[in-house]
Structure formats: structure tokens, C-alpha cells
Amino acid sequence: MAEFSGRTGEVLERLNRLYPALIDLSLGRLEALLAKLGHPEEKLPPVIHVAGTNGKGSTCATLRAIGEAAGWRVHVMTSPHLVDVTERFRIAGTLVSEAELVSTLEEIERVNAGAPITVFEVLTAAGFLLFSRHPAELAIIEVGLGGRCDATNVLRHPAACIVTSVSMDHEAFLGNTLEAIAAEKAGIFKPGVPAVTGAQPDAVRRVLEAEARKAGAPLACRGDAWQVAPAAPEALAGADSAAPEGGLIFTDSQGTLTLPAPALVGPWQMENAGLAVAALRVSGLDVPEAGWQGVGRVSWPARMQRLHGHLAARLPAGWELWLDGGHNPGAGHALAQELQKWGDEPLHLLVGMKQTKDATGFLSPVLPCATTLWAISEPTQHLALPVDAIVEASAGKAQVGPTLVRALDALAAQSDGRPARVLICGSLYLAGVALTQDGWTPGA
């Protein structure tokens, strides 16, 4: 339970003893608990349910930004958290307070009465209970792992479902082929509930289409039912003055939208923005015109985020410090697309990974972009992969940090006065450590 702390962690530690399996994909335990709680999952505002391998968090953040730009109160449940468990629950625009979360968890503990239950199932129940007690116009629910047997899949009637980019990850639980993983993600499809997906490998798309037909869910795929592309300068003429240069054009059967450029950095964010817009368009929800401007106002930590705090201050003047939590081969390939644009300055990668992740698969596409590579394993980093394993995965190219501060100080000492960039990457758990050390606070 190293990833939980404070009063919340004390309650979760007690509950963890009831069923200490780290992951057990099934729905029965949670369904029984929710029945005892009066089925809060059936008392939510319209829900957008989001599954996928990469891009779930950014897509959820974009959905939230659009909803809030529309003037809606928006609930959001995501995982994992970076620094504090309260980050998982945003209630009508504000992170849940520790006091309300602790009270809710203690209520669940009493009602559960010692029955076996996993911590993620408890947290999912807490989200549903919290959201059912606060009015809102939209709820965004991110899948924890997979889809078909994920705890969030007790939702029976979402307004729409999204499957973001699908790639290899969590093979021990989801299967060791793209087709198997795609089938698990598609498990969130429901009869009559519209679903959307973006650009996918052919094998993934075939599975998603087959699973959608089987479930009776209309599936809108990018390229067929909807498209998003960079806007030509003339297309932006007359658009909302808030739309920055380099906006997007979104097109579907309902017409064309001119959107701001995504606020989040990275070429993959165009896809995530398109997924969010497509899902809201098929959901039947009436999004005011002002809502679409939210695409340009998204904030989501540890997704190509520029740091300006204590860690950044250790670097020489003119250097930039960036942070990204991508941690699997698909994320590595996406990250490499952005890093290829950074060839104007030296790039130093500080990489720390979780023990269960494919370090070689993540590192292979980004290695050619790096001037130097540093293996990181922070003492407080949950299930950190040892530095020697990262060095091995890099074919011996990585130097040993082994901590962020020591690696940054070593880089500063080696500086020749020219500008450079540093990117901390490889793990959301490492990202949480970096944000803490940099002075970031949840909700900031």
C-alpha cells in the first residue's frame, strides 16, 4: 500500500487485508457491495466510459475541459493518482476533500462488513457513491485495467463509450496479442450505446468492429464515421478568436467543427481531442457551441508537462525540464514522434519504470532521440525497476542516476553553457515522485 498515505491510506490498508490480491478482474464482489449501497452507479448523470491502452487520461481531461467550457458541472474518476488518492475523484470540478473521501470509505467499510473486496473495487464504489450525491451534468469514468472485467464495467447504461489507442500492455491479465487485448477493451460496449474509437492497427479495428456488432453497439471509427485533422489557415478565418493558431477541423455526419489546437503537447493529442468530441457528438448530449473551445484549455499533469519548480531550478539557465508518464511500447513510439521535433537541442532522458513493464519495448523507439540516457530508481517509487535492468534494456547505453536529483546535478555539472532539454519519463509512479520533488500539489 505504498501508493496510499494519510487517513485515506489507513482505511484502505484495513480494507486491503480483506482481499489482498493486487488485481483480480471480476465484477461479482463489487456488484454485491453496490447492491448494499443502494446502487449508486445507477444514479449518476450521463456517463462517458473510457477504455484503451494509451491516451485514456488525456481523453478524459479533454472531455472534462469541453464540459466545463460548456458551463456544465463535471464529475471525473481516473486512475492511478500521481501524488494523492484524492486526484482520482473530481466532483463537479473540484477534487474531493480528504475528509469527504475518508468518510465515504468508512461508510463503505461498514456496509461491506468484512466481505472480500479489492482496494480498486472499493475506490470505484467510492467514486460512484460520491458522484451520486452531488449534482452534475456529466460524469467521465476511466477504466482501470482492460474493460470487460474491470470494476468500472458495472455501468450498464453509459451515454457513450470510448476505446482509445490499443497496444501491448498488462499482457498477464489481458492476453499476449493485440487481438486479445482489444477484445477485453471492447468489453465495455453495451447494447444500443454508441461507441467511438480512433486510428487503430487493422487487427485491433477488426476485433473492435466484431465486438461492437456482437454487443449491438453502434461503433464510430475515425476515418469512416468521423475525422480530425490540422486546420488549414483559411479554415480558421472567422473562427472563435480564442482558437490559437494551428487549430483542428473535426468532421462527422452532423457537420464540421473548427476547434482550437489541443492544449496538451504531442501529436497524439489531436486523436485524443477527436475522440472526446466524437463521443460527445454521438452521445446525444446537447453541447453548447462554447464547449468545443475547451479543447484548447485542457490541463493534465505528467503528459508532456513542462516543469518549473525545484527540480527545474537545478538545471542551468536556458535548459527545459519536461515530464511524461507514458510507460509501454505504444507510448514509447508516440513519444518518439514528439522527440524527433526536438533535434535542435541536446536531449537527456531520465527513465524509471515499473517492474512489470516492457522496458526494452518502451526504450527502443526513444533511444535514437537521446543525447544521454539515465537509469532512475527513486526510493519512494512504487515497484521501481532496478537501474541495472534499465541499463540492460537500453543495451548498455544508459548511465546510472540513480535518482532524479543526482542525475540532474550531474547533467548541470557537465553543461557547456548551451541550452538543452531533459525529459523524465517511463512511469506514472516516477512522475508522481518528480511532481512531489518539483513542488506540485494536486488540483493546482
Protein backbone atom coordinates (compact mmCIF):
# COMPACT_ATOMS: atom_id res chain seq x y z
CA MET A 1 0.00 0.00 0.00
CA ALA A 2 2.96 2.35 -0.52
CA GLU A 3 0.97 4.40 -3.03
CA PHE A 4 -1.60 5.49 -0.39
CA SER A 5 -0.95 7.65 2.65
CA GLY A 6 -2.61 9.66 5.42
CA ARG A 7 -6.07 8.94 6.83
CA THR A 8 -7.23 7.62 3.47
CA GLY A 9 -4.37 5.15 3.41
CA GLU A 10 -5.26 3.87 6.88
CA VAL A 11 -8.80 2.96 5.79
CA LEU A 12 -7.59 1.42 2.52
CA GLU A 13 -4.98 -0.62 4.36
CA ARG A 14 -7.70 -2.13 6.57
CA LEU A 15 -9.80 -2.93 3.51
CA ASN A 16 -6.78 -4.35 1.68
CA ARG A 17 -6.47 -7.05 4.32
CA LEU A 18 -9.92 -8.36 3.34
CA TYR A 19 -8.71 -9.38 -0.12
CA PRO A 20 -5.05 -8.53 -0.68
CA ALA A 21 -4.91 -9.54 -4.36
CA LEU A 22 -3.33 -6.65 -6.25
CA ILE A 23 -5.54 -7.24 -9.29
CA ASP A 24 -8.48 -9.64 -9.64
CA LEU A 25 -10.56 -8.82 -12.70
CA SER A 26 -14.18 -9.69 -11.94
CA LEU A 27 -17.43 -7.91 -11.15
CA GLY A 28 -19.22 -10.07 -8.58
CA ARG A 29 -17.70 -8.63 -5.41
CA LEU A 30 -18.36 -5.03 -6.43
CA GLU A 31 -21.88 -5.77 -7.68
CA ALA A 32 -22.72 -7.23 -4.27
CA LEU A 33 -21.28 -4.20 -2.49
CA LEU A 34 -23.09 -1.72 -4.74
CA ALA A 35 -26.37 -3.51 -4.07
CA LYS A 36 -25.82 -3.00 -0.33
CA LEU A 37 -25.09 0.68 -1.02
CA GLY A 38 -28.36 1.14 -2.93
CA HIS A 39 -26.85 1.01 -6.44
CA PRO A 40 -25.24 4.45 -6.65
CA GLU A 41 -23.89 3.55 -10.12
CA GLU A 42 -27.49 3.81 -11.38
CA LYS A 43 -27.91 7.36 -10.00
CA LEU A 44 -25.23 9.17 -11.98
CA PRO A 45 -25.51 11.93 -14.57
CA PRO A 46 -24.82 10.87 -18.19
CA VAL A 47 -21.59 8.88 -18.27
CA ILE A 48 -18.82 8.69 -20.85
CA HIS A 49 -16.92 5.42 -20.20
CA VAL A 50 -13.30 5.44 -21.43
CA ALA A 51 -11.10 2.37 -22.07
CA GLY A 52 -7.86 1.87 -24.02
CA THR A 53 -4.12 1.37 -23.56
CA ASN A 54 -2.77 4.88 -24.10
CA GLY A 55 -4.50 8.24 -24.09
CA LYS A 56 -7.29 7.48 -21.63
CA GLY A 57 -6.29 10.16 -19.15
CA SER A 58 -5.78 12.85 -21.79
CA THR A 59 -9.11 11.98 -23.40
CA CYS A 60 -10.86 12.17 -20.03
CA ALA A 61 -9.21 15.53 -19.36
CA THR A 62 -10.38 16.80 -22.76
CA LEU A 63 -13.94 15.63 -22.10
CA ARG A 64 -13.86 17.47 -18.79
CA ALA A 65 -12.50 20.65 -20.36
CA ILE A 66 -15.22 20.62 -23.03
CA GLY A 67 -17.92 20.03 -20.43
CA GLU A 68 -16.67 22.79 -18.18
CA ALA A 69 -16.31 25.21 -21.11
CA ALA A 70 -19.96 24.41 -21.83
CA GLY A 71 -20.84 25.51 -18.31
CA TRP A 72 -21.52 22.01 -17.02
CA ARG A 73 -20.66 20.51 -13.67
CA VAL A 74 -18.45 17.53 -14.46
CA HIS A 75 -17.50 14.52 -12.33
CA VAL A 76 -14.31 12.64 -13.26
CA MET A 77 -12.92 9.33 -11.93
CA THR A 78 -9.44 8.37 -13.14
CA SER A 79 -6.56 6.14 -12.05
CA PRO A 80 -3.88 5.87 -10.91
CA HIS A 81 -3.17 9.01 -8.94
CA LEU A 82 0.22 10.73 -9.09
CA VAL A 83 0.67 12.17 -5.60
CA ASP A 84 -2.53 11.80 -3.57
CA VAL A 85 -5.52 9.47 -3.89
CA THR A 86 -7.91 12.44 -3.91
CA GLU A 87 -6.75 13.10 -7.50
CA ARG A 88 -8.88 10.14 -8.61
CA PHE A 89 -12.16 11.90 -7.85
CA ARG A 90 -13.12 15.30 -9.23
CA ILE A 91 -16.60 16.24 -8.05
CA ALA A 92 -18.37 18.92 -10.10
CA GLY A 93 -15.00 20.39 -11.00
CA THR A 94 -13.21 20.15 -7.63
CA LEU A 95 -11.02 17.38 -6.23
CA VAL A 96 -12.71 15.52 -3.39
CA SER A 97 -11.55 16.60 0.06
CA GLU A 98 -9.68 14.08 2.18
CA ALA A 99 -12.38 14.40 4.85
CA GLU A 100 -15.23 13.52 2.46
CA LEU A 101 -13.27 10.68 0.89
CA VAL A 102 -12.35 9.20 4.27
CA SER A 103 -15.97 9.45 5.42
CA THR A 104 -17.15 7.72 2.24
CA LEU A 105 -14.57 4.95 2.55
CA GLU A 106 -15.50 4.36 6.19
CA GLU A 107 -19.17 4.13 5.18
CA ILE A 108 -18.26 1.55 2.53
CA GLU A 109 -16.18 -0.34 5.08
CA ARG A 110 -19.18 -0.56 7.43
CA VAL A 111 -21.60 -1.61 4.71
CA ASN A 112 -19.17 -4.15 3.25
CA ALA A 113 -18.99 -5.78 6.70
CA GLY A 114 -15.79 -7.72 6.15
CA ALA A 115 -16.67 -9.28 2.79
CA PRO A 116 -13.77 -9.89 0.36
CA ILE A 117 -13.16 -6.79 -1.76
CA THR A 118 -10.15 -5.31 -3.57
CA VAL A 119 -8.90 -1.79 -2.99
CA PHE A 120 -9.68 -0.74 -6.58
CA GLU A 121 -13.22 -2.06 -6.17
CA VAL A 122 -13.59 -0.01 -3.00
CA LEU A 123 -12.29 3.11 -4.73
CA THR A 124 -14.65 2.52 -7.65
CA ALA A 125 -17.59 2.19 -5.26
CA ALA A 126 -16.46 5.37 -3.52
CA GLY A 127 -16.45 7.25 -6.81
CA PHE A 128 -19.95 6.11 -7.67
CA LEU A 129 -21.23 6.96 -4.19
CA LEU A 130 -19.63 10.41 -4.24
CA PHE A 131 -20.90 11.19 -7.75
CA SER A 132 -24.43 10.02 -6.93
CA ARG A 133 -24.62 12.52 -4.07
CA HIS A 134 -23.52 15.63 -5.98
CA PRO A 135 -25.47 17.02 -8.95
CA ALA A 136 -23.67 17.30 -12.28
CA GLU A 137 -24.40 17.29 -16.00
CA LEU A 138 -21.67 14.80 -16.99
CA ALA A 139 -19.62 12.00 -15.41
CA ILE A 140 -16.40 10.73 -17.00
CA ILE A 141 -15.30 7.28 -15.85
CA GLU A 142 -11.90 5.86 -16.82
CA VAL A 143 -11.40 2.10 -16.93
CA GLY A 144 -8.72 0.89 -14.52
CA LEU A 145 -7.47 -2.17 -16.43
CA GLY A 146 -8.84 -3.81 -19.55
CA GLY A 147 -12.57 -3.31 -19.78
CA ARG A 148 -14.69 -6.44 -19.81
CA CYS A 149 -14.00 -7.42 -16.20
CA ASP A 150 -12.81 -4.07 -14.88
CA ALA A 151 -14.67 -2.85 -11.81
CA THR A 152 -15.99 0.21 -13.66
CA ASN A 153 -17.82 -2.08 -16.10
CA VAL A 154 -20.71 -2.47 -13.67
CA LEU A 155 -22.04 0.60 -15.51
CA ARG A 156 -24.99 -0.62 -17.56
CA HIS A 157 -26.20 2.41 -19.50
CA PRO A 158 -23.47 4.97 -20.25
CA ALA A 159 -24.25 7.74 -22.72
CA ALA A 160 -21.24 6.72 -24.84
CA CYS A 161 -18.09 4.58 -24.71
CA ILE A 162 -14.59 5.32 -25.98
CA VAL A 163 -11.73 2.97 -26.80
CA THR A 164 -8.51 4.95 -27.16
CA SER A 165 -5.28 3.67 -28.73
CA VAL A 166 -4.78 -0.08 -28.14
CA SER A 167 -1.29 -1.56 -27.84
CA MET A 168 0.58 -4.18 -25.81
CA ASP A 169 0.38 -3.75 -22.02
CA HIS A 170 -0.76 -5.77 -18.99
CA GLU A 171 -0.37 -8.97 -21.00
CA ALA A 172 -0.54 -11.14 -17.89
CA PHE A 173 -4.14 -10.04 -17.37
CA LEU A 174 -5.41 -9.14 -20.84
CA GLY A 175 -3.66 -11.59 -23.18
CA ASN A 176 -0.45 -11.57 -25.18
CA THR A 177 -1.84 -10.50 -28.56
CA LEU A 178 -3.29 -7.22 -29.77
CA GLU A 179 -6.49 -9.05 -30.70
CA ALA A 180 -6.96 -10.42 -27.18
CA ILE A 181 -6.27 -7.06 -25.59
CA ALA A 182 -8.67 -5.32 -27.99
CA ALA A 183 -11.42 -7.80 -27.13
CA GLU A 184 -11.00 -7.00 -23.43
CA LYS A 185 -11.16 -3.25 -24.09
CA ALA A 186 -14.29 -3.76 -26.22
CA GLY A 187 -15.92 -5.44 -23.24
CA ILE A 188 -17.28 -2.02 -22.20
CA PHE A 189 -19.57 -1.90 -25.29
CA LYS A 190 -23.27 -2.08 -24.36
CA PRO A 191 -26.40 -2.76 -26.43
CA GLY A 192 -27.61 0.40 -28.08
CA VAL A 193 -24.88 2.56 -26.51
CA PRO A 194 -22.83 4.46 -29.11
CA ALA A 195 -19.09 3.86 -29.04
CA VAL A 196 -16.17 5.62 -30.73
CA THR A 197 -12.59 4.66 -31.49
CA GLY A 198 -9.71 6.29 -33.32
CA ALA A 199 -6.92 5.13 -35.58
CA GLN A 200 -6.09 1.52 -34.68
CA PRO A 201 -3.95 -1.28 -36.12
CA ASP A 202 -6.03 -3.30 -38.59
CA ALA A 203 -6.13 -6.31 -36.28
CA VAL A 204 -7.46 -4.16 -33.43
CA ARG A 205 -10.07 -2.45 -35.57
CA ARG A 206 -11.42 -5.77 -36.84
CA VAL A 207 -11.85 -7.02 -33.28
CA LEU A 208 -13.50 -3.80 -32.10
CA GLU A 209 -15.94 -3.86 -35.01
CA ALA A 210 -16.78 -7.53 -34.40
CA GLU A 211 -17.28 -6.99 -30.67
CA ALA A 212 -19.45 -3.94 -31.32
CA ARG A 213 -21.67 -5.95 -33.67
CA LYS A 214 -21.91 -8.72 -31.10
CA ALA A 215 -22.89 -6.27 -28.36
CA GLY A 216 -25.31 -4.33 -30.56
CA ALA A 217 -23.33 -1.12 -30.06
CA PRO A 218 -23.02 1.33 -32.97
CA LEU A 219 -19.28 1.97 -33.40
CA ALA A 220 -17.98 5.21 -34.95
CA CYS A 221 -14.43 4.74 -36.24
CA ARG A 222 -12.07 7.52 -37.23
CA GLY A 223 -11.74 7.66 -40.98
CA ASP A 224 -15.26 6.35 -41.59
CA ALA A 225 -17.71 7.98 -39.19
CA TRP A 226 -15.53 10.91 -38.12
CA GLN A 227 -12.27 12.63 -38.94
CA VAL A 228 -9.99 15.17 -37.30
CA ALA A 229 -7.10 16.96 -38.99
CA PRO A 230 -4.98 20.09 -38.63
CA ALA A 231 -6.84 23.11 -39.90
CA ALA A 232 -5.56 24.97 -42.93
CA PRO A 233 -5.05 28.69 -42.17
CA GLU A 234 -8.03 29.68 -44.31
CA ALA A 235 -10.28 27.29 -42.35
CA LEU A 236 -9.57 29.25 -39.18
CA ALA A 237 -10.71 32.54 -40.69
CA GLY A 238 -13.75 33.71 -38.80
CA ALA A 239 -13.33 31.07 -36.08
CA ASP A 240 -13.62 31.94 -32.41
CA SER A 241 -10.87 34.42 -31.58
CA ALA A 242 -9.88 32.20 -28.64
CA ALA A 243 -8.76 29.49 -31.08
CA PRO A 244 -4.95 29.59 -31.26
CA GLU A 245 -3.00 29.28 -34.47
CA GLY A 246 -2.83 25.67 -35.59
CA GLY A 247 -6.35 24.56 -34.75
CA LEU A 248 -8.22 21.43 -35.79
CA ILE A 249 -11.08 20.59 -38.13
CA PHE A 250 -13.45 17.87 -36.91
CA THR A 251 -15.98 16.34 -39.28
CA ASP A 252 -18.75 13.80 -38.81
CA SER A 253 -22.29 13.20 -40.07
CA GLN A 254 -23.52 16.16 -38.03
CA GLY A 255 -21.23 18.59 -39.81
CA THR A 256 -17.89 20.31 -39.30
CA LEU A 257 -16.40 21.95 -36.21
CA THR A 258 -13.43 24.31 -36.10
CA LEU A 259 -11.56 23.57 -32.88
CA PRO A 260 -8.64 25.19 -31.06
CA ALA A 261 -5.29 23.43 -31.11
CA PRO A 262 -5.08 20.91 -28.25
CA ALA A 263 -3.62 22.47 -25.13
CA LEU A 264 -1.65 19.28 -24.37
CA VAL A 265 1.69 18.76 -26.12
CA GLY A 266 2.26 15.88 -28.54
CA PRO A 267 0.95 14.87 -31.98
CA TRP A 268 -1.22 12.15 -30.41
CA GLN A 269 -3.33 14.80 -28.67
CA MET A 270 -5.17 15.55 -31.93
CA GLU A 271 -6.51 11.99 -31.80
CA ASN A 272 -7.50 12.28 -28.14
CA ALA A 273 -9.29 15.56 -28.83
CA GLY A 274 -11.12 13.94 -31.73
CA LEU A 275 -12.19 11.00 -29.57
CA ALA A 276 -13.62 13.32 -26.92
CA VAL A 277 -15.54 15.40 -29.47
CA ALA A 278 -16.79 12.31 -31.33
CA ALA A 279 -18.05 10.70 -28.12
CA LEU A 280 -19.97 13.79 -27.07
CA ARG A 281 -21.45 14.16 -30.57
CA VAL A 282 -22.78 10.57 -30.63
CA SER A 283 -23.94 10.64 -27.00
CA GLY A 284 -26.97 12.77 -27.74
CA LEU A 285 -25.90 15.36 -25.18
CA ASP A 286 -26.53 18.93 -26.32
CA VAL A 287 -23.10 20.56 -26.12
CA PRO A 288 -23.27 24.38 -26.39
CA GLU A 289 -21.03 25.88 -29.07
CA ALA A 290 -18.77 27.39 -26.38
CA GLY A 291 -17.98 23.92 -25.08
CA TRP A 292 -15.80 22.97 -28.04
CA GLN A 293 -13.34 25.71 -27.09
CA GLY A 294 -12.44 23.53 -24.11
CA VAL A 295 -10.14 21.52 -26.41
CA GLY A 296 -7.68 24.39 -26.09
CA ARG A 297 -7.93 24.59 -22.29
CA VAL A 298 -7.06 21.05 -21.21
CA SER A 299 -4.79 20.52 -18.22
CA TRP A 300 -3.46 17.06 -17.36
CA PRO A 301 -0.29 16.55 -15.29
CA ALA A 302 2.57 14.28 -16.35
CA ARG A 303 1.54 14.26 -20.01
CA MET A 304 4.35 16.15 -21.75
CA GLN A 305 4.27 18.68 -18.93
CA ARG A 306 6.86 21.42 -18.59
CA LEU A 307 8.18 21.64 -15.02
CA HIS A 308 9.20 24.99 -13.49
CA GLY A 309 9.75 24.17 -9.80
CA HIS A 310 12.50 22.85 -7.53
CA LEU A 311 13.81 20.19 -9.93
CA ALA A 312 13.89 22.56 -12.87
CA ALA A 313 15.85 25.07 -10.75
CA ARG A 314 18.74 22.58 -10.53
CA LEU A 315 19.39 22.92 -14.26
CA PRO A 316 21.44 25.65 -15.97
CA ALA A 317 19.76 28.76 -17.35
CA GLY A 318 18.20 28.10 -20.76
CA TRP A 319 17.53 24.41 -20.06
CA GLU A 320 14.00 22.96 -20.10
CA LEU A 321 12.68 20.15 -17.86
CA TRP A 322 9.76 18.05 -19.10
CA LEU A 323 7.77 15.15 -17.66
CA ASP A 324 5.75 12.38 -19.30
CA GLY A 325 4.17 9.32 -17.69
CA GLY A 326 4.00 7.06 -20.78
CA HIS A 327 5.28 3.60 -19.87
CA ASN A 328 4.64 0.95 -22.56
CA PRO A 329 5.83 0.29 -26.13
CA GLY A 330 2.90 2.17 -27.66
CA ALA A 331 3.68 5.19 -25.52
CA GLY A 332 7.35 4.94 -26.49
CA HIS A 333 6.52 5.09 -30.20
CA ALA A 334 4.14 8.03 -29.68
CA LEU A 335 6.72 9.85 -27.56
CA ALA A 336 9.38 9.36 -30.21
CA GLN A 337 7.19 11.25 -32.71
CA GLU A 338 7.38 14.33 -30.49
CA LEU A 339 11.05 13.92 -29.59
CA GLN A 340 12.03 13.83 -33.26
CA LYS A 341 10.99 17.51 -33.38
CA TRP A 342 13.44 18.31 -30.57
CA GLY A 343 16.61 17.78 -32.58
CA ASP A 344 17.59 21.45 -32.30
CA GLU A 345 19.00 20.93 -28.78
CA PRO A 346 20.63 18.06 -26.85
CA LEU A 347 18.05 15.80 -25.15
CA HIS A 348 18.73 13.94 -21.93
CA LEU A 349 16.26 11.22 -20.90
CA LEU A 350 15.81 10.25 -17.24
CA VAL A 351 13.98 6.91 -17.34
CA GLY A 352 12.45 4.98 -14.46
CA MET A 353 9.98 2.15 -14.97
CA LYS A 354 7.67 -0.19 -13.10
CA GLN A 355 8.92 -3.75 -12.62
CA THR A 356 6.14 -5.32 -14.70
CA LYS A 357 6.64 -3.13 -17.78
CA ASP A 358 8.43 -3.88 -21.05
CA ALA A 359 11.46 -1.63 -20.63
CA THR A 360 13.08 -2.63 -23.93
CA GLY A 361 9.84 -2.04 -25.82
CA PHE A 362 9.48 1.44 -24.34
CA LEU A 363 13.12 2.43 -24.77
CA SER A 364 13.75 1.17 -28.31
CA PRO A 365 11.88 3.95 -30.18
CA VAL A 366 13.07 6.80 -27.93
CA LEU A 367 16.75 5.84 -27.68
CA PRO A 368 17.72 7.30 -31.08
CA CYS A 369 16.39 10.69 -29.92
CA ALA A 370 18.52 10.82 -26.76
CA THR A 371 21.88 12.51 -26.33
CA THR A 372 22.23 10.73 -22.99
CA LEU A 373 20.04 8.27 -21.09
CA TRP A 374 19.96 7.93 -17.30
CA ALA A 375 18.51 4.99 -15.37
CA ILE A 376 16.42 6.14 -12.39
CA SER A 377 15.02 4.23 -9.41
CA GLU A 378 13.72 6.53 -6.68
CA PRO A 379 13.47 5.09 -3.13
CA THR A 380 9.79 6.07 -2.90
CA GLN A 381 8.90 4.95 -6.45
CA HIS A 382 6.29 2.17 -6.28
CA LEU A 383 7.59 -1.18 -7.67
CA ALA A 384 10.54 0.56 -9.32
CA LEU A 385 12.54 -1.44 -11.85
CA PRO A 386 16.18 -1.67 -10.66
CA VAL A 387 18.60 0.59 -12.51
CA ASP A 388 20.70 -2.32 -13.74
CA ALA A 389 17.62 -3.73 -15.51
CA ILE A 390 17.08 -0.37 -17.25
CA VAL A 391 20.75 -0.30 -18.30
CA GLU A 392 20.37 -3.81 -19.69
CA ALA A 393 17.15 -2.87 -21.54
CA SER A 394 19.00 0.06 -23.12
CA ALA A 395 21.72 -2.27 -24.45
CA GLY A 396 24.18 -0.67 -22.04
CA LYS A 397 23.61 2.90 -23.24
CA ALA A 398 22.07 4.18 -20.00
CA GLN A 399 24.10 5.74 -17.21
CA VAL A 400 23.05 5.17 -13.61
CA GLY A 401 21.30 8.12 -11.97
CA PRO A 402 20.17 6.56 -9.77
CA THR A 403 17.90 9.38 -8.52
CA LEU A 404 16.43 12.40 -10.27
CA VAL A 405 18.38 14.92 -8.20
CA ARG A 406 21.72 13.19 -8.72
CA ALA A 407 21.16 12.81 -12.46
CA LEU A 408 20.07 16.45 -12.84
CA ASP A 409 23.06 17.65 -10.83
CA ALA A 410 25.41 15.52 -12.95
CA LEU A 411 23.95 16.99 -16.13
CA ALA A 412 24.27 20.52 -14.76
CA ALA A 413 27.92 19.87 -13.88
CA GLN A 414 28.61 18.66 -17.43
CA SER A 415 26.90 21.63 -19.11
CA ASP A 416 28.91 23.56 -21.67
CA GLY A 417 26.56 26.56 -21.46
CA ARG A 418 24.38 25.64 -24.43
CA PRO A 419 20.60 25.16 -23.98
CA ALA A 420 19.33 21.60 -23.63
CA ARG A 421 16.20 19.66 -22.72
CA VAL A 422 15.68 17.00 -20.05
CA LEU A 423 12.71 14.61 -20.13
CA ILE A 424 11.71 12.47 -17.14
CA CYS A 425 9.69 9.52 -18.42
CA GLY A 426 8.83 5.81 -18.22
CA SER A 427 6.42 5.57 -15.29
CA LEU A 428 3.44 7.33 -13.76
CA TYR A 429 4.85 6.36 -10.36
CA LEU A 430 8.14 8.09 -11.19
CA ALA A 431 6.08 11.03 -12.46
CA GLY A 432 4.41 11.27 -9.06
CA VAL A 433 7.80 11.36 -7.35
CA ALA A 434 9.03 14.02 -9.78
CA LEU A 435 5.96 16.21 -9.26
CA THR A 436 6.34 15.96 -5.48
CA GLN A 437 10.02 16.88 -5.63
CA ASP A 438 9.27 19.74 -8.03
CA GLY A 439 6.72 21.20 -5.58
CA TRP A 440 3.50 20.38 -7.49
CA THR A 441 0.29 19.94 -5.50
CA PRO A 442 -2.88 18.11 -6.67
CA GLY A 443 -5.52 20.41 -8.03
CA ALA A 444 -3.00 23.12 -8.86
